[in-house]
């Protein structure tokens, strides 16, 4: 998927890493096959890195976990590809 963050175009792809945000290439890698809640946490974690590269890893992890819990409790789930708009 492609996404624009703070005016910068990013590419987010499924690749064999847990999660990686590369600011030089504007590329985010997310491990395929994660459990849905873990994938949400990874996407949020890497998204925070995209938006706030200056944040330390500990604060990024805390923010991602908090947002994951909030969204999960509200019922947010990944739709299958054929259900996406």
PDB file of N, CA and C in Angstrom:
ATOM      1  N   UNK A   1       0.843  -1.175   0.000  1.00  0.00           N
ATOM      2  CA  UNK A   1       0.000   0.000   0.000  1.00  0.00           C
ATOM      3  C   UNK A   1       0.884   1.232   0.000  1.00  0.00           C
ATOM      4  N   UNK A   2       0.324   2.309  -0.512  1.00  0.00           N
ATOM      5  CA  UNK A   2       1.017   3.602  -0.504  1.00  0.00           C
ATOM      6  C   UNK A   2       0.250   4.527   0.432  1.00  0.00           C
ATOM      7  N   UNK A   3       0.977   5.344   1.170  1.00  0.00           N
ATOM      8  CA  UNK A   3       0.363   6.282   2.101  1.00  0.00           C
ATOM      9  C   UNK A   3       1.229   7.541   2.168  1.00  0.00           C
ATOM     10  N   UNK A   4       0.578   8.681   2.333  1.00  0.00           N
ATOM     11  CA  UNK A   4       1.308   9.942   2.448  1.00  0.00           C
ATOM     12  C   UNK A   4       1.271  10.384   3.910  1.00  0.00           C
ATOM     13  N   UNK A   5       2.447  10.644   4.483  1.00  0.00           N
ATOM     14  CA  UNK A   5       2.579  11.066   5.871  1.00  0.00           C
ATOM     15  C   UNK A   5       3.422  12.335   5.904  1.00  0.00           C
ATOM     16  N   UNK A   6       2.848  13.394   6.433  1.00  0.00           N
ATOM     17  CA  UNK A   6       3.554  14.681   6.505  1.00  0.00           C
ATOM     18  C   UNK A   6       4.107  15.101   5.149  1.00  0.00           C
ATOM     19  N   UNK A   7       3.330  14.853   4.091  1.00  0.00           N
ATOM     20  CA  UNK A   7       3.717  15.242   2.752  1.00  0.00           C
ATOM     21  C   UNK A   7       4.694  14.306   2.063  1.00  0.00           C
ATOM     22  N   UNK A   8       5.061  13.212   2.711  1.00  0.00           N
ATOM     23  CA  UNK A   8       6.018  12.260   2.152  1.00  0.00           C
ATOM     24  C   UNK A   8       5.284  10.968   1.784  1.00  0.00           C
ATOM     25  N   UNK A   9       5.527  10.472   0.577  1.00  0.00           N
ATOM     26  CA  UNK A   9       4.912   9.221   0.140  1.00  0.00           C
ATOM     27  C   UNK A   9       5.709   8.038   0.672  1.00  0.00           C
ATOM     28  N   UNK A  10       5.006   7.103   1.289  1.00  0.00           N
ATOM     29  CA  UNK A  10       5.599   5.897   1.856  1.00  0.00           C
ATOM     30  C   UNK A  10       5.017   4.675   1.171  1.00  0.00           C
ATOM     31  N   UNK A  11       5.816   3.613   1.138  1.00  0.00           N
ATOM     32  CA  UNK A  11       5.366   2.317   0.662  1.00  0.00           C
ATOM     33  C   UNK A  11       5.393   1.363   1.852  1.00  0.00           C
ATOM     34  N   UNK A  12       4.274   0.675   2.067  1.00  0.00           N
ATOM     35  CA  UNK A  12       4.178  -0.312   3.151  1.00  0.00           C
ATOM     36  C   UNK A  12       3.937  -1.663   2.501  1.00  0.00           C
ATOM     37  N   UNK A  13       4.822  -2.626   2.784  1.00  0.00           N
ATOM     38  CA  UNK A  13       4.737  -3.935   2.148  1.00  0.00           C
ATOM     39  C   UNK A  13       4.889  -5.053   3.169  1.00  0.00           C
ATOM     40  N   UNK A  14       4.378  -6.219   2.804  1.00  0.00           N
ATOM     41  CA  UNK A  14       4.584  -7.430   3.595  1.00  0.00           C
ATOM     42  C   UNK A  14       5.938  -8.013   3.209  1.00  0.00           C
ATOM     43  N   UNK A  15       6.826  -8.105   4.188  1.00  0.00           N
ATOM     44  CA  UNK A  15       8.150  -8.698   3.982  1.00  0.00           C
ATOM     45  C   UNK A  15       8.544  -9.442   5.251  1.00  0.00           C
ATOM     46  N   UNK A  16       9.491 -10.328   5.123  1.00  0.00           N
ATOM     47  CA  UNK A  16       9.876 -11.211   6.219  1.00  0.00           C
ATOM     48  C   UNK A  16      10.701 -10.513   7.304  1.00  0.00           C
ATOM     49  N   UNK A  17      10.140  -9.482   7.884  1.00  0.00           N
ATOM     50  CA  UNK A  17      10.709  -8.828   9.071  1.00  0.00           C
ATOM     51  C   UNK A  17       9.545  -8.493   9.977  1.00  0.00           C
ATOM     52  N   UNK A  18       9.784  -8.401  11.285  1.00  0.00           N
ATOM     53  CA  UNK A  18       8.681  -8.082  12.198  1.00  0.00           C
ATOM     54  C   UNK A  18       8.089  -6.715  11.878  1.00  0.00           C
ATOM     55  N   UNK A  19       8.933  -5.754  11.675  1.00  0.00           N
ATOM     56  CA  UNK A  19       8.521  -4.403  11.338  1.00  0.00           C
ATOM     57  C   UNK A  19       9.755  -3.545  11.178  1.00  0.00           C
ATOM     58  N   UNK A  20       9.764  -2.723  10.145  1.00  0.00           N
ATOM     59  CA  UNK A  20      10.929  -1.890   9.883  1.00  0.00           C
ATOM     60  C   UNK A  20      10.473  -0.634   9.160  1.00  0.00           C
ATOM     61  N   UNK A  21      10.926   0.508   9.644  1.00  0.00           N
ATOM     62  CA  UNK A  21      10.606   1.792   9.034  1.00  0.00           C
ATOM     63  C   UNK A  21      11.912   2.429   8.576  1.00  0.00           C
ATOM     64  N   UNK A  22      12.099   2.551   7.265  1.00  0.00           N
ATOM     65  CA  UNK A  22      13.329   3.095   6.683  1.00  0.00           C
ATOM     66  C   UNK A  22      13.047   4.499   6.155  1.00  0.00           C
ATOM     67  N   UNK A  23      13.587   5.489   6.836  1.00  0.00           N
ATOM     68  CA  UNK A  23      13.351   6.881   6.451  1.00  0.00           C
ATOM     69  C   UNK A  23      14.141   7.308   5.221  1.00  0.00           C
ATOM     70  N   UNK A  24      15.180   6.586   4.867  1.00  0.00           N
ATOM     71  CA  UNK A  24      15.944   6.937   3.667  1.00  0.00           C
ATOM     72  C   UNK A  24      15.190   6.564   2.397  1.00  0.00           C
ATOM     73  N   UNK A  25      14.495   5.427   2.430  1.00  0.00           N
ATOM     74  CA  UNK A  25      13.773   4.972   1.239  1.00  0.00           C
ATOM     75  C   UNK A  25      12.259   5.158   1.353  1.00  0.00           C
ATOM     76  N   UNK A  26      11.789   5.676   2.516  1.00  0.00           N
ATOM     77  CA  UNK A  26      10.347   5.824   2.773  1.00  0.00           C
ATOM     78  C   UNK A  26       9.630   4.492   2.542  1.00  0.00           C
ATOM     79  N   UNK A  27      10.166   3.475   3.177  1.00  0.00           N
ATOM     80  CA  UNK A  27       9.689   2.105   2.991  1.00  0.00           C
ATOM     81  C   UNK A  27       9.443   1.479   4.364  1.00  0.00           C
ATOM     82  N   UNK A  28       8.275   0.877   4.534  1.00  0.00           N
ATOM     83  CA  UNK A  28       7.941   0.173   5.771  1.00  0.00           C
ATOM     84  C   UNK A  28       7.676  -1.282   5.427  1.00  0.00           C
ATOM     85  N   UNK A  29       8.290  -2.171   6.190  1.00  0.00           N
ATOM     86  CA  UNK A  29       8.092  -3.603   6.013  1.00  0.00           C
ATOM     87  C   UNK A  29       7.331  -4.155   7.211  1.00  0.00           C
ATOM     88  N   UNK A  30       6.345  -4.987   6.922  1.00  0.00           N
ATOM     89  CA  UNK A  30       5.528  -5.633   7.946  1.00  0.00           C
ATOM     90  C   UNK A  30       5.560  -7.129   7.671  1.00  0.00           C
ATOM     91  N   UNK A  31       5.813  -7.931   8.700  1.00  0.00           N
ATOM     92  CA  UNK A  31       5.875  -9.380   8.517  1.00  0.00           C
ATOM     93  C   UNK A  31       4.502  -9.935   8.156  1.00  0.00           C
ATOM     94  N   UNK A  32       4.417 -10.720   7.097  1.00  0.00           N
ATOM     95  CA  UNK A  32       3.147 -11.370   6.766  1.00  0.00           C
ATOM     96  C   UNK A  32       2.876 -12.498   7.758  1.00  0.00           C
ATOM     97  N   UNK A  33       1.618 -12.872   7.862  1.00  0.00           N
ATOM     98  CA  UNK A  33       1.251 -14.018   8.680  1.00  0.00           C
ATOM     99  C   UNK A  33       1.123 -13.743  10.166  1.00  0.00           C
ATOM    100  N   UNK A  34       1.217 -12.487  10.577  1.00  0.00           N
ATOM    101  CA  UNK A  34       1.027 -12.161  11.985  1.00  0.00           C
ATOM    102  C   UNK A  34      -0.442 -12.343  12.359  1.00  0.00           C
ATOM    103  N   UNK A  35      -0.671 -12.628  13.619  1.00  0.00           N
ATOM    104  CA  UNK A  35      -2.043 -12.645  14.119  1.00  0.00           C
ATOM    105  C   UNK A  35      -2.614 -11.234  13.941  1.00  0.00           C
ATOM    106  N   UNK A  36      -3.928 -11.111  13.713  1.00  0.00           N
ATOM    107  CA  UNK A  36      -4.514  -9.802  13.418  1.00  0.00           C
ATOM    108  C   UNK A  36      -4.173  -8.694  14.421  1.00  0.00           C
ATOM    109  N   UNK A  37      -4.254  -8.988  15.709  1.00  0.00           N
ATOM    110  CA  UNK A  37      -3.949  -7.944  16.694  1.00  0.00           C
ATOM    111  C   UNK A  37      -2.469  -7.573  16.658  1.00  0.00           C
ATOM    112  N   UNK A  38      -1.600  -8.547  16.448  1.00  0.00           N
ATOM    113  CA  UNK A  38      -0.165  -8.266  16.350  1.00  0.00           C
ATOM    114  C   UNK A  38       0.138  -7.421  15.117  1.00  0.00           C
ATOM    115  N   UNK A  39      -0.536  -7.708  14.006  1.00  0.00           N
ATOM    116  CA  UNK A  39      -0.335  -6.917  12.785  1.00  0.00           C
ATOM    117  C   UNK A  39      -0.774  -5.469  13.014  1.00  0.00           C
ATOM    118  N   UNK A  40      -1.912  -5.289  13.678  1.00  0.00           N
ATOM    119  CA  UNK A  40      -2.387  -3.936  13.986  1.00  0.00           C
ATOM    120  C   UNK A  40      -1.341  -3.202  14.813  1.00  0.00           C
ATOM    121  N   UNK A  41      -0.813  -3.871  15.835  1.00  0.00           N
ATOM    122  CA  UNK A  41       0.210  -3.256  16.677  1.00  0.00           C
ATOM    123  C   UNK A  41       1.447  -2.888  15.857  1.00  0.00           C
ATOM    124  N   UNK A  42       1.876  -3.783  14.978  1.00  0.00           N
ATOM    125  CA  UNK A  42       3.055  -3.514  14.154  1.00  0.00           C
ATOM    126  C   UNK A  42       2.811  -2.337  13.206  1.00  0.00           C
ATOM    127  N   UNK A  43       1.640  -2.318  12.572  1.00  0.00           N
ATOM    128  CA  UNK A  43       1.319  -1.197  11.673  1.00  0.00           C
ATOM    129  C   UNK A  43       1.296   0.134  12.423  1.00  0.00           C
ATOM    130  N   UNK A  44       0.678   0.142  13.588  1.00  0.00           N
ATOM    131  CA  UNK A  44       0.647   1.372  14.380  1.00  0.00           C
ATOM    132  C   UNK A  44       2.056   1.763  14.826  1.00  0.00           C
ATOM    133  N   UNK A  45       2.824   0.794  15.259  1.00  0.00           N
ATOM    134  CA  UNK A  45       4.199   1.050  15.702  1.00  0.00           C
ATOM    135  C   UNK A  45       5.015   1.702  14.583  1.00  0.00           C
ATOM    136  N   UNK A  46       4.982   1.087  13.412  1.00  0.00           N
ATOM    137  CA  UNK A  46       5.758   1.630  12.299  1.00  0.00           C
ATOM    138  C   UNK A  46       5.176   2.953  11.807  1.00  0.00           C
ATOM    139  N   UNK A  47       3.855   3.102  11.880  1.00  0.00           N
ATOM    140  CA  UNK A  47       3.228   4.372  11.521  1.00  0.00           C
ATOM    141  C   UNK A  47       3.675   5.507  12.424  1.00  0.00           C
ATOM    142  N   UNK A  48       3.817   5.213  13.707  1.00  0.00           N
ATOM    143  CA  UNK A  48       4.328   6.229  14.635  1.00  0.00           C
ATOM    144  C   UNK A  48       5.763   6.593  14.273  1.00  0.00           C
ATOM    145  N   UNK A  49       6.569   5.598  13.917  1.00  0.00           N
ATOM    146  CA  UNK A  49       7.936   5.901  13.464  1.00  0.00           C
ATOM    147  C   UNK A  49       7.909   6.801  12.224  1.00  0.00           C
ATOM    148  N   UNK A  50       6.967   6.561  11.310  1.00  0.00           N
ATOM    149  CA  UNK A  50       6.870   7.409  10.110  1.00  0.00           C
ATOM    150  C   UNK A  50       6.573   8.850  10.499  1.00  0.00           C
ATOM    151  N   UNK A  51       5.632   9.025  11.422  1.00  0.00           N
ATOM    152  CA  UNK A  51       5.191  10.375  11.808  1.00  0.00           C
ATOM    153  C   UNK A  51       6.163  11.076  12.747  1.00  0.00           C
ATOM    154  N   UNK A  52       6.766  10.310  13.620  1.00  0.00           N
ATOM    155  CA  UNK A  52       7.598  10.888  14.678  1.00  0.00           C
ATOM    156  C   UNK A  52       8.935  10.159  14.793  1.00  0.00           C
ATOM    157  N   UNK A  53       9.817  10.316  13.820  1.00  0.00           N
ATOM    158  CA  UNK A  53      11.087   9.581  13.833  1.00  0.00           C
ATOM    159  C   UNK A  53      11.968   9.903  15.039  1.00  0.00           C
ATOM    160  N   UNK A  54      11.709  11.021  15.683  1.00  0.00           N
ATOM    161  CA  UNK A  54      12.541  11.405  16.827  1.00  0.00           C
ATOM    162  C   UNK A  54      12.150  10.686  18.119  1.00  0.00           C
ATOM    163  N   UNK A  55      10.986  10.036  18.144  1.00  0.00           N
ATOM    164  CA  UNK A  55      10.545   9.344  19.360  1.00  0.00           C
ATOM    165  C   UNK A  55      11.426   8.136  19.645  1.00  0.00           C
ATOM    166  N   UNK A  56      11.723   7.935  20.913  1.00  0.00           N
ATOM    167  CA  UNK A  56      12.514   6.766  21.289  1.00  0.00           C
ATOM    168  C   UNK A  56      11.661   5.505  21.147  1.00  0.00           C
ATOM    169  N   UNK A  57      12.329   4.386  20.982  1.00  0.00           N
ATOM    170  CA  UNK A  57      11.651   3.109  20.753  1.00  0.00           C
ATOM    171  C   UNK A  57      10.676   2.762  21.880  1.00  0.00           C
ATOM    172  N   UNK A  58      11.049   3.033  23.107  1.00  0.00           N
ATOM    173  CA  UNK A  58      10.182   2.717  24.247  1.00  0.00           C
ATOM    174  C   UNK A  58       8.857   3.477  24.160  1.00  0.00           C
ATOM    175  N   UNK A  59       8.920   4.770  23.849  1.00  0.00           N
ATOM    176  CA  UNK A  59       7.693   5.568  23.748  1.00  0.00           C
ATOM    177  C   UNK A  59       6.847   5.160  22.546  1.00  0.00           C
ATOM    178  N   UNK A  60       7.498   4.799  21.451  1.00  0.00           N
ATOM    179  CA  UNK A  60       6.764   4.314  20.274  1.00  0.00           C
ATOM    180  C   UNK A  60       6.019   3.035  20.634  1.00  0.00           C
ATOM    181  N   UNK A  61       6.693   2.123  21.315  1.00  0.00           N
ATOM    182  CA  UNK A  61       6.066   0.854  21.703  1.00  0.00           C
ATOM    183  C   UNK A  61       4.878   1.074  22.631  1.00  0.00           C
ATOM    184  N   UNK A  62       5.024   1.980  23.582  1.00  0.00           N
ATOM    185  CA  UNK A  62       3.926   2.276  24.520  1.00  0.00           C
ATOM    186  C   UNK A  62       2.742   2.874  23.774  1.00  0.00           C
ATOM    187  N   UNK A  63       3.008   3.839  22.897  1.00  0.00           N
ATOM    188  CA  UNK A  63       1.924   4.474  22.137  1.00  0.00           C
ATOM    189  C   UNK A  63       1.218   3.473  21.235  1.00  0.00           C
ATOM    190  N   UNK A  64       1.989   2.634  20.543  1.00  0.00           N
ATOM    191  CA  UNK A  64       1.397   1.641  19.641  1.00  0.00           C
ATOM    192  C   UNK A  64       0.527   0.655  20.415  1.00  0.00           C
ATOM    193  N   UNK A  65       1.023   0.183  21.544  1.00  0.00           N
ATOM    194  CA  UNK A  65       0.267  -0.780  22.345  1.00  0.00           C
ATOM    195  C   UNK A  65      -1.026  -0.147  22.861  1.00  0.00           C
ATOM    196  N   UNK A  66      -0.956   1.101  23.297  1.00  0.00           N
ATOM    197  CA  UNK A  66      -2.142   1.808  23.787  1.00  0.00           C
ATOM    198  C   UNK A  66      -3.176   1.968  22.674  1.00  0.00           C
ATOM    199  N   UNK A  67      -2.721   2.412  21.499  1.00  0.00           N
ATOM    200  CA  UNK A  67      -3.638   2.584  20.373  1.00  0.00           C
ATOM    201  C   UNK A  67      -4.204   1.252  19.899  1.00  0.00           C
ATOM    202  N   UNK A  68      -3.373   0.200  19.899  1.00  0.00           N
ATOM    203  CA  UNK A  68      -3.852  -1.130  19.515  1.00  0.00           C
ATOM    204  C   UNK A  68      -4.972  -1.580  20.445  1.00  0.00           C
ATOM    205  N   UNK A  69      -4.767  -1.427  21.738  1.00  0.00           N
ATOM    206  CA  UNK A  69      -5.786  -1.823  22.718  1.00  0.00           C
ATOM    207  C   UNK A  69      -7.067  -1.026  22.515  1.00  0.00           C
ATOM    208  N   UNK A  70      -6.946   0.261  22.330  1.00  0.00           N
ATOM    209  CA  UNK A  70      -8.114   1.126  22.117  1.00  0.00           C
ATOM    210  C   UNK A  70      -8.896   0.712  20.879  1.00  0.00           C
ATOM    211  N   UNK A  71      -8.207   0.563  19.754  1.00  0.00           N
ATOM    212  CA  UNK A  71      -8.870   0.195  18.509  1.00  0.00           C
ATOM    213  C   UNK A  71      -9.443  -1.217  18.568  1.00  0.00           C
ATOM    214  N   UNK A  72      -8.713  -2.154  19.165  1.00  0.00           N
ATOM    215  CA  UNK A  72      -9.174  -3.541  19.243  1.00  0.00           C
ATOM    216  C   UNK A  72     -10.444  -3.629  20.081  1.00  0.00           C
ATOM    217  N   UNK A  73     -10.456  -2.922  21.216  1.00  0.00           N
ATOM    218  CA  UNK A  73     -11.643  -2.932  22.080  1.00  0.00           C
ATOM    219  C   UNK A  73     -12.841  -2.275  21.396  1.00  0.00           C
ATOM    220  N   UNK A  74     -12.580  -1.372  20.458  1.00  0.00           N
ATOM    221  CA  UNK A  74     -13.658  -0.720  19.713  1.00  0.00           C
ATOM    222  C   UNK A  74     -14.126  -1.564  18.534  1.00  0.00           C
ATOM    223  N   UNK A  75     -13.499  -2.706  18.305  1.00  0.00           N
ATOM    224  CA  UNK A  75     -13.953  -3.613  17.265  1.00  0.00           C
ATOM    225  C   UNK A  75     -13.251  -3.509  15.930  1.00  0.00           C
ATOM    226  N   UNK A  76     -12.171  -2.742  15.831  1.00  0.00           N
ATOM    227  CA  UNK A  76     -11.451  -2.620  14.560  1.00  0.00           C
ATOM    228  C   UNK A  76     -10.757  -3.918  14.234  1.00  0.00           C
ATOM    229  N   UNK A  77     -10.985  -4.404  13.007  1.00  0.00           N
ATOM    230  CA  UNK A  77     -10.366  -5.629  12.527  1.00  0.00           C
ATOM    231  C   UNK A  77      -9.999  -5.451  11.064  1.00  0.00           C
ATOM    232  N   UNK A  78      -9.013  -6.209  10.615  1.00  0.00           N
ATOM    233  CA  UNK A  78      -8.598  -6.159   9.219  1.00  0.00           C
ATOM    234  C   UNK A  78      -9.648  -6.898   8.375  1.00  0.00           C
ATOM    235  N   UNK A  79     -10.058  -6.254   7.295  1.00  0.00           N
ATOM    236  CA  UNK A  79     -10.972  -6.908   6.354  1.00  0.00           C
ATOM    237  C   UNK A  79     -10.182  -7.714   5.352  1.00  0.00           C
ATOM    238  N   UNK A  80     -10.814  -8.717   4.820  1.00  0.00           N
ATOM    239  CA  UNK A  80     -10.188  -9.487   3.752  1.00  0.00           C
ATOM    240  C   UNK A  80     -10.044  -8.604   2.526  1.00  0.00           C
ATOM    241  N   UNK A  81      -9.078  -8.908   1.662  1.00  0.00           N
ATOM    242  CA  UNK A  81      -8.798  -8.062   0.507  1.00  0.00           C
ATOM    243  C   UNK A  81     -10.019  -7.801  -0.350  1.00  0.00           C
ATOM    244  N   UNK A  82     -10.870  -8.800  -0.558  1.00  0.00           N
ATOM    245  CA  UNK A  82     -12.034  -8.596  -1.424  1.00  0.00           C
ATOM    246  C   UNK A  82     -13.093  -7.718  -0.755  1.00  0.00           C
ATOM    247  N   UNK A  83     -12.954  -7.447   0.559  1.00  0.00           N
ATOM    248  CA  UNK A  83     -13.918  -6.591   1.255  1.00  0.00           C
ATOM    249  C   UNK A  83     -13.460  -5.144   1.309  1.00  0.00           C
ATOM    250  N   UNK A  84     -12.216  -4.884   0.960  1.00  0.00           N
ATOM    251  CA  UNK A  84     -11.666  -3.527   1.060  1.00  0.00           C
ATOM    252  C   UNK A  84     -12.216  -2.654  -0.055  1.00  0.00           C
ATOM    253  N   UNK A  85     -12.341  -1.373   0.268  1.00  0.00           N
ATOM    254  CA  UNK A  85     -12.813  -0.437  -0.758  1.00  0.00           C
ATOM    255  C   UNK A  85     -11.673   0.366  -1.320  1.00  0.00           C
TER     256      UNK A  85
END
